[in-house]
Amino acid sequence: MQRRIDFSNLRCPLVLVKAKLELKQSQPGEELIFRVTDASFFDDLAKLKHKYHCELTREVYSSHEDIKVVML
């Protein structure tokens, strides 16, 4: 299952707090795509990928980034 979540109107730390809540509720095999405008979000989330057992990739656009999270 894939879910898209738009966090483009949020800044850290709130975007990270909300992302953690989504990760806690996710199941193995699930894919989340976070749309963000906070430039530090990917690096912050990458520090937590082992804790939440997930892999991250990102696509960068001129107005936002889409961070794809695959739960392991």
C-alpha atoms as a PDB file:
ATOM      1  CA  MET A   1       0.000   0.000   0.000  1.00  0.00           C
ATOM      2  CA  GLN A   2       1.239   3.505  -0.793  1.00  0.00           C
ATOM      3  CA  ARG A   3       0.226   6.644   1.063  1.00  0.00           C
ATOM      4  CA  ARG A   4       1.029  10.227   0.100  1.00  0.00           C
ATOM      5  CA  ILE A   5       1.231  12.749   2.922  1.00  0.00           C
ATOM      6  CA  ASP A   6       1.645  16.457   2.262  1.00  0.00           C
ATOM      7  CA  PHE A   7       3.822  18.191   4.840  1.00  0.00           C
ATOM      8  CA  SER A   8       4.751  21.049   2.511  1.00  0.00           C
ATOM      9  CA  ASN A   9       3.226  23.664   4.815  1.00  0.00           C
ATOM     10  CA  LEU A  10       5.200  22.477   7.886  1.00  0.00           C
ATOM     11  CA  ARG A  11       8.694  23.226   9.168  1.00  0.00           C
ATOM     12  CA  CYS A  12      10.933  21.339  11.578  1.00  0.00           C
ATOM     13  CA  PRO A  13      10.456  20.225  14.193  1.00  0.00           C
ATOM     14  CA  LEU A  14       6.721  19.781  13.508  1.00  0.00           C
ATOM     15  CA  VAL A  15       7.243  18.018  10.169  1.00  0.00           C
ATOM     16  CA  LEU A  16       9.549  15.488  11.836  1.00  0.00           C
ATOM     17  CA  VAL A  17       7.142  14.908  14.732  1.00  0.00           C
ATOM     18  CA  LYS A  18       4.255  14.216  12.345  1.00  0.00           C
ATOM     19  CA  ALA A  19       6.428  11.964  10.175  1.00  0.00           C
ATOM     20  CA  LYS A  20       7.433   9.915  13.234  1.00  0.00           C
ATOM     21  CA  LEU A  21       3.765   9.387  14.067  1.00  0.00           C
ATOM     22  CA  GLU A  22       3.135   8.122  10.527  1.00  0.00           C
ATOM     23  CA  LEU A  23       6.150   5.799  10.704  1.00  0.00           C
ATOM     24  CA  LYS A  24       5.022   4.322  14.021  1.00  0.00           C
ATOM     25  CA  GLN A  25       1.648   3.415  12.484  1.00  0.00           C
ATOM     26  CA  SER A  26       3.116   1.878   9.328  1.00  0.00           C
ATOM     27  CA  GLN A  27       3.488  -1.813   8.560  1.00  0.00           C
ATOM     28  CA  PRO A  28       6.330  -3.693   6.800  1.00  0.00           C
ATOM     29  CA  GLY A  29       6.033  -3.365   3.033  1.00  0.00           C
ATOM     30  CA  GLU A  30       4.096  -0.122   3.215  1.00  0.00           C
ATOM     31  CA  GLU A  31       5.310   2.876   1.214  1.00  0.00           C
ATOM     32  CA  LEU A  32       4.922   6.452   2.383  1.00  0.00           C
ATOM     33  CA  ILE A  33       5.645   9.496   0.284  1.00  0.00           C
ATOM     34  CA  PHE A  34       6.170  12.670   2.278  1.00  0.00           C
ATOM     35  CA  ARG A  35       5.945  15.920   0.322  1.00  0.00           C
ATOM     36  CA  VAL A  36       8.065  18.523   2.134  1.00  0.00           C
ATOM     37  CA  THR A  37       9.583  21.960   1.638  1.00  0.00           C
ATOM     38  CA  ASP A  38      11.885  21.835   4.668  1.00  0.00           C
ATOM     39  CA  ALA A  39      15.383  21.313   3.260  1.00  0.00           C
ATOM     40  CA  SER A  40      16.705  19.581   6.386  1.00  0.00           C
ATOM     41  CA  PHE A  41      13.914  16.986   6.615  1.00  0.00           C
ATOM     42  CA  PHE A  42      15.599  14.261   4.545  1.00  0.00           C
ATOM     43  CA  ASP A  43      18.807  14.403   6.586  1.00  0.00           C
ATOM     44  CA  ASP A  44      16.861  14.386   9.856  1.00  0.00           C
ATOM     45  CA  LEU A  45      14.756  11.430   8.750  1.00  0.00           C
ATOM     46  CA  ALA A  46      17.825   9.547   7.491  1.00  0.00           C
ATOM     47  CA  LYS A  47      19.208   9.587  11.054  1.00  0.00           C
ATOM     48  CA  LEU A  48      16.100   7.677  12.175  1.00  0.00           C
ATOM     49  CA  LYS A  49      15.827   5.075   9.426  1.00  0.00           C
ATOM     50  CA  HIS A  50      17.366   2.277  11.515  1.00  0.00           C
ATOM     51  CA  LYS A  51      15.057   2.977  14.444  1.00  0.00           C
ATOM     52  CA  TYR A  52      11.975   2.747  12.199  1.00  0.00           C
ATOM     53  CA  HIS A  53      13.338  -0.013   9.931  1.00  0.00           C
ATOM     54  CA  CYS A  54      12.892   1.743   6.605  1.00  0.00           C
ATOM     55  CA  GLU A  55      14.683   2.775   3.424  1.00  0.00           C
ATOM     56  CA  LEU A  56      14.591   6.307   2.053  1.00  0.00           C
ATOM     57  CA  THR A  57      14.867   7.870  -1.377  1.00  0.00           C
ATOM     58  CA  ARG A  58      14.092  11.383  -2.515  1.00  0.00           C
ATOM     59  CA  GLU A  59      13.127  13.304  -5.588  1.00  0.00           C
ATOM     60  CA  VAL A  60      13.965  16.999  -5.561  1.00  0.00           C
ATOM     61  CA  TYR A  61      11.838  19.523  -7.436  1.00  0.00           C
ATOM     62  CA  SER A  62      12.087  23.303  -7.608  1.00  0.00           C
ATOM     63  CA  SER A  63       9.265  23.850  -5.106  1.00  0.00           C
ATOM     64  CA  HIS A  64       9.437  20.721  -2.894  1.00  0.00           C
ATOM     65  CA  GLU A  65      10.911  17.286  -2.252  1.00  0.00           C
ATOM     66  CA  ASP A  66       9.127  13.941  -2.280  1.00  0.00           C
ATOM     67  CA  ILE A  67      10.654  11.563   0.248  1.00  0.00           C
ATOM     68  CA  LYS A  68       9.756   7.927  -0.365  1.00  0.00           C
ATOM     69  CA  VAL A  69       9.863   5.699   2.696  1.00  0.00           C
ATOM     70  CA  VAL A  70       9.619   1.931   2.348  1.00  0.00           C
ATOM     71  CA  MET A  71       8.982   0.121   5.590  1.00  0.00           C
ATOM     72  CA  LEU A  72      11.086  -3.042   6.018  1.00  0.00           C
END
